[in-house]
N, C-alpha and C. Protein backbone atom coordinates (compact mmCIF):
# COMPACT_ATOMS: atom_id res chain seq x y z
N MET A 1 -20.63 7.58 55.81
CA MET A 1 -20.15 7.28 57.15
C MET A 1 -18.73 7.86 57.30
N ASP A 2 -18.47 8.48 58.41
CA ASP A 2 -17.18 9.10 58.68
C ASP A 2 -16.31 8.14 59.50
N HIS A 3 -15.26 7.64 58.86
CA HIS A 3 -14.36 6.71 59.54
C HIS A 3 -13.13 7.39 60.12
N VAL A 4 -12.88 8.65 59.78
CA VAL A 4 -11.67 9.34 60.22
C VAL A 4 -11.86 10.19 61.46
N LEU A 5 -13.08 10.55 61.76
CA LEU A 5 -13.41 11.32 62.97
C LEU A 5 -12.66 12.65 63.06
N LEU A 6 -12.70 13.43 62.00
CA LEU A 6 -12.09 14.75 62.00
C LEU A 6 -13.09 15.77 62.51
N SER A 7 -12.58 16.77 63.22
CA SER A 7 -13.44 17.85 63.70
C SER A 7 -13.78 18.77 62.53
N ASP A 8 -14.75 19.64 62.73
CA ASP A 8 -15.11 20.61 61.69
C ASP A 8 -13.93 21.52 61.37
N ASP A 9 -13.17 21.92 62.40
CA ASP A 9 -11.99 22.76 62.17
C ASP A 9 -10.94 22.03 61.34
N GLN A 10 -10.74 20.75 61.63
CA GLN A 10 -9.78 19.97 60.86
C GLN A 10 -10.23 19.82 59.41
N ARG A 11 -11.52 19.63 59.20
CA ARG A 11 -12.05 19.50 57.84
C ARG A 11 -11.92 20.82 57.06
N ALA A 12 -12.01 21.95 57.76
CA ALA A 12 -11.95 23.26 57.11
C ALA A 12 -10.52 23.65 56.74
N GLU A 13 -9.52 23.07 57.40
CA GLU A 13 -8.12 23.42 57.15
C GLU A 13 -7.70 22.95 55.76
N THR A 14 -6.97 23.80 55.04
CA THR A 14 -6.47 23.42 53.73
C THR A 14 -5.00 23.77 53.60
N LEU A 15 -4.33 23.05 52.74
CA LEU A 15 -2.92 23.31 52.42
C LEU A 15 -2.87 24.24 51.21
N ASN A 16 -1.68 24.64 50.81
CA ASN A 16 -1.53 25.51 49.64
C ASN A 16 -2.11 24.87 48.39
N SER A 17 -2.12 23.55 48.33
CA SER A 17 -2.66 22.83 47.17
C SER A 17 -4.18 22.88 47.12
N GLY A 18 -4.80 23.31 48.22
CA GLY A 18 -6.25 23.32 48.29
C GLY A 18 -6.82 22.06 48.92
N ARG A 19 -5.97 21.06 49.09
CA ARG A 19 -6.41 19.80 49.72
C ARG A 19 -6.28 19.91 51.22
N GLY A 20 -7.06 19.12 51.92
CA GLY A 20 -6.95 19.05 53.36
C GLY A 20 -5.76 18.20 53.77
N PRO A 21 -5.20 18.44 54.95
CA PRO A 21 -4.05 17.65 55.40
C PRO A 21 -4.33 16.15 55.44
N ALA A 22 -5.53 15.76 55.86
CA ALA A 22 -5.85 14.33 55.93
C ALA A 22 -5.87 13.72 54.53
N ASP A 23 -6.44 14.43 53.56
CA ASP A 23 -6.45 13.93 52.18
C ASP A 23 -5.04 13.82 51.64
N ASN A 24 -4.22 14.80 51.97
CA ASN A 24 -2.82 14.79 51.52
C ASN A 24 -2.07 13.59 52.10
N ARG A 25 -2.21 13.36 53.39
CA ARG A 25 -1.53 12.23 54.03
C ARG A 25 -2.05 10.90 53.50
N ASN A 26 -3.35 10.85 53.27
CA ASN A 26 -3.95 9.64 52.72
C ASN A 26 -3.39 9.34 51.33
N GLY A 27 -3.26 10.36 50.52
CA GLY A 27 -2.70 10.19 49.18
C GLY A 27 -1.28 9.67 49.21
N TRP A 28 -0.45 10.25 50.09
CA TRP A 28 0.93 9.79 50.21
C TRP A 28 0.98 8.34 50.72
N ALA A 29 0.15 8.02 51.70
CA ALA A 29 0.12 6.65 52.23
C ALA A 29 -0.23 5.66 51.13
N LEU A 30 -1.23 5.98 50.32
CA LEU A 30 -1.61 5.09 49.24
C LEU A 30 -0.51 4.96 48.19
N ALA A 31 0.19 6.06 47.93
CA ALA A 31 1.30 6.01 46.97
C ALA A 31 2.41 5.08 47.47
N TYR A 32 2.75 5.18 48.75
CA TYR A 32 3.78 4.30 49.31
C TYR A 32 3.32 2.85 49.37
N LEU A 33 2.06 2.62 49.71
CA LEU A 33 1.53 1.25 49.74
C LEU A 33 1.51 0.65 48.34
N ALA A 34 1.21 1.45 47.33
CA ALA A 34 1.23 0.97 45.95
C ALA A 34 2.66 0.65 45.52
N LYS A 35 3.60 1.49 45.90
CA LYS A 35 5.01 1.25 45.56
C LYS A 35 5.51 -0.04 46.21
N ALA A 36 5.02 -0.33 47.41
CA ALA A 36 5.40 -1.56 48.12
C ALA A 36 4.58 -2.76 47.64
N GLU A 37 3.69 -2.53 46.67
CA GLU A 37 2.82 -3.56 46.11
C GLU A 37 1.87 -4.14 47.14
N ALA A 38 1.53 -3.34 48.15
CA ALA A 38 0.56 -3.75 49.16
C ALA A 38 -0.86 -3.45 48.70
N VAL A 39 -1.00 -2.52 47.76
CA VAL A 39 -2.29 -2.24 47.12
C VAL A 39 -2.06 -2.11 45.63
N SER A 40 -3.10 -2.37 44.87
CA SER A 40 -3.04 -2.13 43.43
C SER A 40 -4.08 -1.07 43.10
N ARG A 41 -3.92 -0.47 41.94
CA ARG A 41 -4.83 0.60 41.52
C ARG A 41 -5.41 0.22 40.16
N PRO A 42 -6.50 -0.56 40.16
CA PRO A 42 -7.06 -1.00 38.88
C PRO A 42 -7.60 0.13 38.01
N ARG A 43 -8.08 1.19 38.64
CA ARG A 43 -8.52 2.38 37.90
C ARG A 43 -8.44 3.58 38.83
N ARG A 44 -8.51 4.74 38.25
CA ARG A 44 -8.35 5.98 39.00
C ARG A 44 -9.35 6.05 40.16
N GLY A 45 -8.83 6.34 41.36
CA GLY A 45 -9.68 6.50 42.53
C GLY A 45 -10.07 5.20 43.20
N GLN A 46 -9.59 4.08 42.68
CA GLN A 46 -9.93 2.79 43.29
C GLN A 46 -8.64 2.05 43.64
N TYR A 47 -8.55 1.61 44.88
CA TYR A 47 -7.41 0.83 45.33
C TYR A 47 -7.91 -0.50 45.86
N VAL A 48 -7.13 -1.55 45.62
CA VAL A 48 -7.49 -2.89 46.07
C VAL A 48 -6.29 -3.46 46.83
N ILE A 49 -6.54 -4.01 48.01
CA ILE A 49 -5.45 -4.59 48.77
C ILE A 49 -5.01 -5.89 48.09
N THR A 50 -3.71 -6.10 48.01
CA THR A 50 -3.14 -7.27 47.36
C THR A 50 -2.86 -8.36 48.40
N ASP A 51 -2.47 -9.54 47.94
CA ASP A 51 -2.11 -10.60 48.88
C ASP A 51 -0.93 -10.18 49.77
N PRO A 52 0.14 -9.58 49.21
CA PRO A 52 1.21 -9.08 50.09
C PRO A 52 0.70 -8.02 51.07
N GLY A 53 -0.25 -7.22 50.65
CA GLY A 53 -0.84 -6.21 51.54
C GLY A 53 -1.62 -6.86 52.68
N ARG A 54 -2.32 -7.94 52.39
CA ARG A 54 -3.04 -8.66 53.43
C ARG A 54 -2.06 -9.26 54.45
N THR A 55 -0.96 -9.79 53.95
CA THR A 55 0.07 -10.34 54.84
C THR A 55 0.65 -9.24 55.72
N LEU A 56 0.98 -8.11 55.12
CA LEU A 56 1.50 -6.98 55.86
C LEU A 56 0.52 -6.53 56.94
N LEU A 57 -0.74 -6.44 56.59
CA LEU A 57 -1.76 -6.02 57.55
C LEU A 57 -1.91 -7.04 58.68
N ALA A 58 -1.83 -8.33 58.36
CA ALA A 58 -1.95 -9.36 59.40
C ALA A 58 -0.75 -9.32 60.35
N GLN A 59 0.43 -9.03 59.81
CA GLN A 59 1.64 -9.02 60.63
C GLN A 59 1.79 -7.73 61.43
N HIS A 60 1.27 -6.64 60.94
CA HIS A 60 1.43 -5.32 61.59
C HIS A 60 0.11 -4.55 61.58
N PRO A 61 -0.91 -5.05 62.25
CA PRO A 61 -2.23 -4.41 62.15
C PRO A 61 -2.31 -2.98 62.68
N THR A 62 -1.54 -2.64 63.69
CA THR A 62 -1.65 -1.27 64.23
C THR A 62 -0.77 -0.30 63.47
N GLU A 63 0.34 -0.73 62.89
CA GLU A 63 1.23 0.17 62.17
C GLU A 63 0.64 0.56 60.81
N VAL A 64 -0.07 -0.35 60.18
CA VAL A 64 -0.63 -0.07 58.86
C VAL A 64 -1.88 0.73 59.04
C-alpha cells in the first residue's frame, strides 16, 4: 500500500547517493526522532514509537 502518494516522476528521481529524495528525508526524520527519543530502533530497519513519541504525536499531530 502506498501511503506517501508520490508520482511516477517523483519515484524515478534520485540524488547523488542513489536514494530518492523521499527516502532521504524519511531517513533524516527518523534519525532526528531517534535522537529526541521519540522512536527507538530495536533492530536495523525497524523503528518503534516510544512513550515520549506518543506524547509528542498527541500534542503536535500535524507537525509530526
